[in-house]
Amino acid sequence: MEWLSRTALVLVIIGALNWLLVGLFQWDLVTALFGGDTVRASSDFSRVIYTLVGLAGLYSISFFFRENTAVRDK
């Protein structure tokens, strides 16, 4: 199950970093990679929320380097 948790964490971080780019630059990386209109028009409040989600994604990178509590308790 460890691989599933790590895979989910990677996908969450990628999504959050994409929202960070949308919040800061109104540019969508996923759309740029897979086709479509890369510029997203958003309200200022939306951009603040996107940026906060992106910053949370940056913080989540640290979860890869933390000791797993289930392993530590064994």
PDB file of N, CA and C in Angstrom:
ATOM      1  N   MET A   1       0.820  -1.204   0.000  1.00  0.00           N
ATOM      2  CA  MET A   1       0.000   0.000   0.000  1.00  0.00           C
ATOM      3  C   MET A   1       0.861   1.263   0.000  1.00  0.00           C
ATOM      4  N   GLU A   2       2.118   1.101   0.386  1.00  0.00           N
ATOM      5  CA  GLU A   2       3.014   2.253   0.414  1.00  0.00           C
ATOM      6  C   GLU A   2       3.135   2.904  -0.961  1.00  0.00           C
ATOM      7  N   TRP A   3       3.214   2.098  -2.021  1.00  0.00           N
ATOM      8  CA  TRP A   3       3.357   2.648  -3.373  1.00  0.00           C
ATOM      9  C   TRP A   3       2.122   3.453  -3.759  1.00  0.00           C
ATOM     10  N   LEU A   4       0.954   3.012  -3.311  1.00  0.00           N
ATOM     11  CA  LEU A   4      -0.271   3.741  -3.633  1.00  0.00           C
ATOM     12  C   LEU A   4      -0.293   5.103  -2.932  1.00  0.00           C
ATOM     13  N   SER A   5       0.142   5.133  -1.697  1.00  0.00           N
ATOM     14  CA  SER A   5       0.200   6.398  -0.954  1.00  0.00           C
ATOM     15  C   SER A   5       1.184   7.366  -1.601  1.00  0.00           C
ATOM     16  N   ARG A   6       2.322   6.860  -1.980  1.00  0.00           N
ATOM     17  CA  ARG A   6       3.327   7.725  -2.618  1.00  0.00           C
ATOM     18  C   ARG A   6       2.854   8.214  -3.989  1.00  0.00           C
ATOM     19  N   THR A   7       2.206   7.350  -4.742  1.00  0.00           N
ATOM     20  CA  THR A   7       1.677   7.751  -6.046  1.00  0.00           C
ATOM     21  C   THR A   7       0.613   8.829  -5.884  1.00  0.00           C
ATOM     22  N   ALA A   8      -0.265   8.645  -4.915  1.00  0.00           N
ATOM     23  CA  ALA A   8      -1.301   9.650  -4.661  1.00  0.00           C
ATOM     24  C   ALA A   8      -0.673  10.971  -4.234  1.00  0.00           C
ATOM     25  N   LEU A   9       0.360  10.911  -3.406  1.00  0.00           N
ATOM     26  CA  LEU A   9       1.029  12.129  -2.962  1.00  0.00           C
ATOM     27  C   LEU A   9       1.682  12.852  -4.134  1.00  0.00           C
ATOM     28  N   VAL A  10       2.309  12.114  -5.037  1.00  0.00           N
ATOM     29  CA  VAL A  10       2.923  12.724  -6.222  1.00  0.00           C
ATOM     30  C   VAL A  10       1.865  13.433  -7.063  1.00  0.00           C
ATOM     31  N   LEU A  11       0.732  12.781  -7.279  1.00  0.00           N
ATOM     32  CA  LEU A  11      -0.328  13.394  -8.087  1.00  0.00           C
ATOM     33  C   LEU A  11      -0.908  14.635  -7.415  1.00  0.00           C
ATOM     34  N   VAL A  12      -1.062  14.593  -6.113  1.00  0.00           N
ATOM     35  CA  VAL A  12      -1.568  15.761  -5.377  1.00  0.00           C
ATOM     36  C   VAL A  12      -0.575  16.915  -5.480  1.00  0.00           C
ATOM     37  N   ILE A  13       0.709  16.626  -5.357  1.00  0.00           N
ATOM     38  CA  ILE A  13       1.723  17.675  -5.450  1.00  0.00           C
ATOM     39  C   ILE A  13       1.757  18.269  -6.855  1.00  0.00           C
ATOM     40  N   ILE A  14       1.686  17.431  -7.878  1.00  0.00           N
ATOM     41  CA  ILE A  14       1.667  17.943  -9.254  1.00  0.00           C
ATOM     42  C   ILE A  14       0.454  18.843  -9.475  1.00  0.00           C
ATOM     43  N   GLY A  15      -0.704  18.403  -8.997  1.00  0.00           N
ATOM     44  CA  GLY A  15      -1.905  19.226  -9.130  1.00  0.00           C
ATOM     45  C   GLY A  15      -1.785  20.544  -8.393  1.00  0.00           C
ATOM     46  N   ALA A  16      -1.225  20.500  -7.185  1.00  0.00           N
ATOM     47  CA  ALA A  16      -1.073  21.723  -6.398  1.00  0.00           C
ATOM     48  C   ALA A  16      -0.086  22.679  -7.051  1.00  0.00           C
ATOM     49  N   LEU A  17       0.996  22.147  -7.585  1.00  0.00           N
ATOM     50  CA  LEU A  17       1.960  23.013  -8.261  1.00  0.00           C
ATOM     51  C   LEU A  17       1.359  23.627  -9.524  1.00  0.00           C
ATOM     52  N   ASN A  18       0.502  22.887 -10.196  1.00  0.00           N
ATOM     53  CA  ASN A  18      -0.195  23.443 -11.349  1.00  0.00           C
ATOM     54  C   ASN A  18      -1.088  24.608 -10.910  1.00  0.00           C
ATOM     55  N   TRP A  19      -1.796  24.435  -9.800  1.00  0.00           N
ATOM     56  CA  TRP A  19      -2.640  25.524  -9.299  1.00  0.00           C
ATOM     57  C   TRP A  19      -1.792  26.720  -8.867  1.00  0.00           C
ATOM     58  N   LEU A  20      -0.590  26.452  -8.340  1.00  0.00           N
ATOM     59  CA  LEU A  20       0.301  27.558  -7.981  1.00  0.00           C
ATOM     60  C   LEU A  20       0.647  28.378  -9.223  1.00  0.00           C
ATOM     61  N   LEU A  21       0.949  27.705 -10.316  1.00  0.00           N
ATOM     62  CA  LEU A  21       1.245  28.416 -11.566  1.00  0.00           C
ATOM     63  C   LEU A  21       0.031  29.195 -12.065  1.00  0.00           C
ATOM     64  N   VAL A  22      -1.147  28.610 -11.920  1.00  0.00           N
ATOM     65  CA  VAL A  22      -2.368  29.321 -12.319  1.00  0.00           C
ATOM     66  C   VAL A  22      -2.564  30.542 -11.425  1.00  0.00           C
ATOM     67  N   GLY A  23      -2.348  30.374 -10.130  1.00  0.00           N
ATOM     68  CA  GLY A  23      -2.549  31.485  -9.198  1.00  0.00           C
ATOM     69  C   GLY A  23      -1.572  32.620  -9.399  1.00  0.00           C
ATOM     70  N   LEU A  24      -0.317  32.285  -9.652  1.00  0.00           N
ATOM     71  CA  LEU A  24       0.699  33.329  -9.778  1.00  0.00           C
ATOM     72  C   LEU A  24       0.788  33.918 -11.182  1.00  0.00           C
ATOM     73  N   PHE A  25       0.663  33.065 -12.194  1.00  0.00           N
ATOM     74  CA  PHE A  25       0.924  33.511 -13.567  1.00  0.00           C
ATOM     75  C   PHE A  25      -0.249  33.328 -14.523  1.00  0.00           C
ATOM     76  N   GLN A  26      -1.359  32.775 -14.033  1.00  0.00           N
ATOM     77  CA  GLN A  26      -2.525  32.448 -14.853  1.00  0.00           C
ATOM     78  C   GLN A  26      -2.118  31.547 -16.025  1.00  0.00           C
ATOM     79  N   TRP A  27      -1.225  30.610 -15.757  1.00  0.00           N
ATOM     80  CA  TRP A  27      -0.712  29.691 -16.770  1.00  0.00           C
ATOM     81  C   TRP A  27      -0.888  28.260 -16.288  1.00  0.00           C
ATOM     82  N   ASP A  28      -1.493  27.415 -17.115  1.00  0.00           N
ATOM     83  CA  ASP A  28      -1.831  26.048 -16.756  1.00  0.00           C
ATOM     84  C   ASP A  28      -0.826  25.084 -17.395  1.00  0.00           C
ATOM     85  N   LEU A  29       0.031  24.491 -16.578  1.00  0.00           N
ATOM     86  CA  LEU A  29       1.071  23.589 -17.065  1.00  0.00           C
ATOM     87  C   LEU A  29       0.494  22.319 -17.661  1.00  0.00           C
ATOM     88  N   VAL A  30      -0.498  21.726 -17.017  1.00  0.00           N
ATOM     89  CA  VAL A  30      -1.081  20.473 -17.515  1.00  0.00           C
ATOM     90  C   VAL A  30      -1.687  20.682 -18.900  1.00  0.00           C
ATOM     91  N   THR A  31      -2.389  21.777 -19.082  1.00  0.00           N
ATOM     92  CA  THR A  31      -2.962  22.083 -20.394  1.00  0.00           C
ATOM     93  C   THR A  31      -1.860  22.347 -21.410  1.00  0.00           C
ATOM     94  N   ALA A  32      -0.788  22.978 -20.986  1.00  0.00           N
ATOM     95  CA  ALA A  32       0.330  23.230 -21.900  1.00  0.00           C
ATOM     96  C   ALA A  32       0.947  21.922 -22.372  1.00  0.00           C
ATOM     97  N   LEU A  33       1.021  20.931 -21.477  1.00  0.00           N
ATOM     98  CA  LEU A  33       1.617  19.647 -21.844  1.00  0.00           C
ATOM     99  C   LEU A  33       0.712  18.804 -22.731  1.00  0.00           C
ATOM    100  N   PHE A  34      -0.602  18.884 -22.491  1.00  0.00           N
ATOM    101  CA  PHE A  34      -1.523  17.974 -23.172  1.00  0.00           C
ATOM    102  C   PHE A  34      -2.466  18.659 -24.156  1.00  0.00           C
ATOM    103  N   GLY A  35      -2.274  19.941 -24.387  1.00  0.00           N
ATOM    104  CA  GLY A  35      -3.064  20.646 -25.391  1.00  0.00           C
ATOM    105  C   GLY A  35      -4.192  21.456 -24.804  1.00  0.00           C
ATOM    106  N   GLY A  36      -4.458  22.570 -25.429  1.00  0.00           N
ATOM    107  CA  GLY A  36      -5.539  23.444 -24.997  1.00  0.00           C
ATOM    108  C   GLY A  36      -5.045  24.856 -24.750  1.00  0.00           C
ATOM    109  N   ASP A  37      -5.954  25.693 -24.273  1.00  0.00           N
ATOM    110  CA  ASP A  37      -5.657  27.091 -23.976  1.00  0.00           C
ATOM    111  C   ASP A  37      -4.965  27.167 -22.624  1.00  0.00           C
ATOM    112  N   THR A  38      -3.722  27.619 -22.594  1.00  0.00           N
ATOM    113  CA  THR A  38      -2.929  27.577 -21.369  1.00  0.00           C
ATOM    114  C   THR A  38      -3.163  28.752 -20.431  1.00  0.00           C
ATOM    115  N   VAL A  39      -3.806  29.811 -20.905  1.00  0.00           N
ATOM    116  CA  VAL A  39      -4.041  30.981 -20.052  1.00  0.00           C
ATOM    117  C   VAL A  39      -5.429  30.874 -19.442  1.00  0.00           C
ATOM    118  N   ARG A  40      -5.497  30.995 -18.120  1.00  0.00           N
ATOM    119  CA  ARG A  40      -6.777  30.927 -17.411  1.00  0.00           C
ATOM    120  C   ARG A  40      -7.088  32.295 -16.809  1.00  0.00           C
ATOM    121  N   ALA A  41      -8.196  32.853 -17.186  1.00  0.00           N
ATOM    122  CA  ALA A  41      -8.642  34.100 -16.583  1.00  0.00           C
ATOM    123  C   ALA A  41      -9.348  33.773 -15.271  1.00  0.00           C
ATOM    124  N   SER A  42      -8.914  34.399 -14.185  1.00  0.00           N
ATOM    125  CA  SER A  42      -9.470  34.127 -12.860  1.00  0.00           C
ATOM    126  C   SER A  42      -9.622  35.421 -12.090  1.00  0.00           C
ATOM    127  N   SER A  43     -10.538  35.406 -11.125  1.00  0.00           N
ATOM    128  CA  SER A  43     -10.684  36.565 -10.253  1.00  0.00           C
ATOM    129  C   SER A  43      -9.493  36.615  -9.294  1.00  0.00           C
ATOM    130  N   ASP A  44      -9.291  37.751  -8.671  1.00  0.00           N
ATOM    131  CA  ASP A  44      -8.181  37.895  -7.726  1.00  0.00           C
ATOM    132  C   ASP A  44      -8.333  36.935  -6.550  1.00  0.00           C
ATOM    133  N   PHE A  45      -9.555  36.764  -6.065  1.00  0.00           N
ATOM    134  CA  PHE A  45      -9.791  35.859  -4.938  1.00  0.00           C
ATOM    135  C   PHE A  45      -9.461  34.417  -5.331  1.00  0.00           C
ATOM    136  N   SER A  46      -9.856  34.015  -6.530  1.00  0.00           N
ATOM    137  CA  SER A  46      -9.532  32.670  -7.013  1.00  0.00           C
ATOM    138  C   SER A  46      -8.029  32.467  -7.078  1.00  0.00           C
ATOM    139  N   ARG A  47      -7.329  33.466  -7.550  1.00  0.00           N
ATOM    140  CA  ARG A  47      -5.876  33.352  -7.671  1.00  0.00           C
ATOM    141  C   ARG A  47      -5.215  33.220  -6.310  1.00  0.00           C
ATOM    142  N   VAL A  48      -5.750  33.884  -5.303  1.00  0.00           N
ATOM    143  CA  VAL A  48      -5.223  33.742  -3.940  1.00  0.00           C
ATOM    144  C   VAL A  48      -5.419  32.315  -3.449  1.00  0.00           C
ATOM    145  N   ILE A  49      -6.605  31.755  -3.681  1.00  0.00           N
ATOM    146  CA  ILE A  49      -6.887  30.378  -3.265  1.00  0.00           C
ATOM    147  C   ILE A  49      -5.978  29.405  -4.012  1.00  0.00           C
ATOM    148  N   TYR A  50      -5.839  29.579  -5.328  1.00  0.00           N
ATOM    149  CA  TYR A  50      -4.963  28.708  -6.111  1.00  0.00           C
ATOM    150  C   TYR A  50      -3.521  28.771  -5.586  1.00  0.00           C
ATOM    151  N   THR A  51      -3.069  29.963  -5.257  1.00  0.00           N
ATOM    152  CA  THR A  51      -1.713  30.138  -4.746  1.00  0.00           C
ATOM    153  C   THR A  51      -1.541  29.442  -3.398  1.00  0.00           C
ATOM    154  N   LEU A  52      -2.533  29.551  -2.527  1.00  0.00           N
ATOM    155  CA  LEU A  52      -2.457  28.881  -1.224  1.00  0.00           C
ATOM    156  C   LEU A  52      -2.416  27.360  -1.386  1.00  0.00           C
ATOM    157  N   VAL A  53      -3.217  26.835  -2.294  1.00  0.00           N
ATOM    158  CA  VAL A  53      -3.200  25.385  -2.561  1.00  0.00           C
ATOM    159  C   VAL A  53      -1.825  24.982  -3.102  1.00  0.00           C
ATOM    160  N   GLY A  54      -1.254  25.799  -3.968  1.00  0.00           N
ATOM    161  CA  GLY A  54       0.076  25.514  -4.507  1.00  0.00           C
ATOM    162  C   GLY A  54       1.155  25.533  -3.440  1.00  0.00           C
ATOM    163  N   LEU A  55       1.074  26.477  -2.534  1.00  0.00           N
ATOM    164  CA  LEU A  55       2.039  26.526  -1.434  1.00  0.00           C
ATOM    165  C   LEU A  55       1.898  25.305  -0.530  1.00  0.00           C
ATOM    166  N   ALA A  56       0.666  24.853  -0.332  1.00  0.00           N
ATOM    167  CA  ALA A  56       0.453  23.625   0.438  1.00  0.00           C
ATOM    168  C   ALA A  56       1.086  22.437  -0.285  1.00  0.00           C
ATOM    169  N   GLY A  57       1.035  22.435  -1.606  1.00  0.00           N
ATOM    170  CA  GLY A  57       1.686  21.383  -2.380  1.00  0.00           C
ATOM    171  C   GLY A  57       3.194  21.405  -2.214  1.00  0.00           C
ATOM    172  N   LEU A  58       3.777  22.599  -2.186  1.00  0.00           N
ATOM    173  CA  LEU A  58       5.208  22.702  -1.943  1.00  0.00           C
ATOM    174  C   LEU A  58       5.561  22.140  -0.568  1.00  0.00           C
ATOM    175  N   TYR A  59       4.762  22.449   0.418  1.00  0.00           N
ATOM    176  CA  TYR A  59       4.975  21.931   1.770  1.00  0.00           C
ATOM    177  C   TYR A  59       4.846  20.407   1.786  1.00  0.00           C
ATOM    178  N   SER A  60       3.940  19.877   0.997  1.00  0.00           N
ATOM    179  CA  SER A  60       3.693  18.434   0.968  1.00  0.00           C
ATOM    180  C   SER A  60       4.880  17.641   0.443  1.00  0.00           C
ATOM    181  N   ILE A  61       5.774  18.287  -0.282  1.00  0.00           N
ATOM    182  CA  ILE A  61       6.979  17.602  -0.749  1.00  0.00           C
ATOM    183  C   ILE A  61       7.772  17.063   0.439  1.00  0.00           C
ATOM    184  N   SER A  62       7.714  17.771   1.558  1.00  0.00           N
ATOM    185  CA  SER A  62       8.459  17.332   2.749  1.00  0.00           C
ATOM    186  C   SER A  62       7.947  16.000   3.287  1.00  0.00           C
ATOM    187  N   PHE A  63       6.740  15.586   2.946  1.00  0.00           N
ATOM    188  CA  PHE A  63       6.189  14.317   3.429  1.00  0.00           C
ATOM    189  C   PHE A  63       6.976  13.120   2.892  1.00  0.00           C
ATOM    190  N   PHE A  64       7.653  13.283   1.772  1.00  0.00           N
ATOM    191  CA  PHE A  64       8.463  12.200   1.232  1.00  0.00           C
ATOM    192  C   PHE A  64       9.657  11.887   2.134  1.00  0.00           C
ATOM    193  N   PHE A  65      10.082  12.856   2.915  1.00  0.00           N
ATOM    194  CA  PHE A  65      11.299  12.708   3.696  1.00  0.00           C
ATOM    195  C   PHE A  65      11.026  12.472   5.176  1.00  0.00           C
ATOM    196  N   ARG A  66       9.767  12.349   5.544  1.00  0.00           N
ATOM    197  CA  ARG A  66       9.423  12.090   6.936  1.00  0.00           C
ATOM    198  C   ARG A  66       9.344  10.591   7.170  1.00  0.00           C
ATOM    199  N   GLU A  67       9.673  10.195   8.380  1.00  0.00           N
ATOM    200  CA  GLU A  67       9.585   8.780   8.729  1.00  0.00           C
ATOM    201  C   GLU A  67       8.137   8.374   8.845  1.00  0.00           C
ATOM    202  N   ASN A  68       7.795   7.244   8.279  1.00  0.00           N
ATOM    203  CA  ASN A  68       6.441   6.724   8.317  1.00  0.00           C
ATOM    204  C   ASN A  68       6.133   6.244   9.739  1.00  0.00           C
ATOM    205  N   THR A  69       5.050   6.723  10.366  1.00  0.00           N
ATOM    206  CA  THR A  69       4.736   6.364  11.746  1.00  0.00           C
ATOM    207  C   THR A  69       4.386   4.887  11.874  1.00  0.00           C
ATOM    208  N   ALA A  70       3.787   4.295  10.850  1.00  0.00           N
ATOM    209  CA  ALA A  70       3.458   2.865  10.924  1.00  0.00           C
ATOM    210  C   ALA A  70       4.722   2.015  10.971  1.00  0.00           C
ATOM    211  N   VAL A  71       5.747   2.415  10.262  1.00  0.00           N
ATOM    212  CA  VAL A  71       7.008   1.684  10.269  1.00  0.00           C
ATOM    213  C   VAL A  71       7.723   1.903  11.586  1.00  0.00           C
ATOM    214  N   ARG A  72       7.679   3.102  12.106  1.00  0.00           N
ATOM    215  CA  ARG A  72       8.362   3.432  13.350  1.00  0.00           C
ATOM    216  C   ARG A  72       7.771   2.674  14.537  1.00  0.00           C
ATOM    217  N   ASP A  73       6.460   2.413  14.541  1.00  0.00           N
ATOM    218  CA  ASP A  73       5.803   1.758  15.664  1.00  0.00           C
ATOM    219  C   ASP A  73       6.047   0.259  15.714  1.00  0.00           C
ATOM    220  N   LYS A  74       6.553  -0.344  14.637  1.00  0.00           N
ATOM    221  CA  LYS A  74       6.768  -1.798  14.607  1.00  0.00           C
ATOM    222  C   LYS A  74       7.954  -2.200  15.440  1.00  0.00           C
TER     223      LYS A  74
END
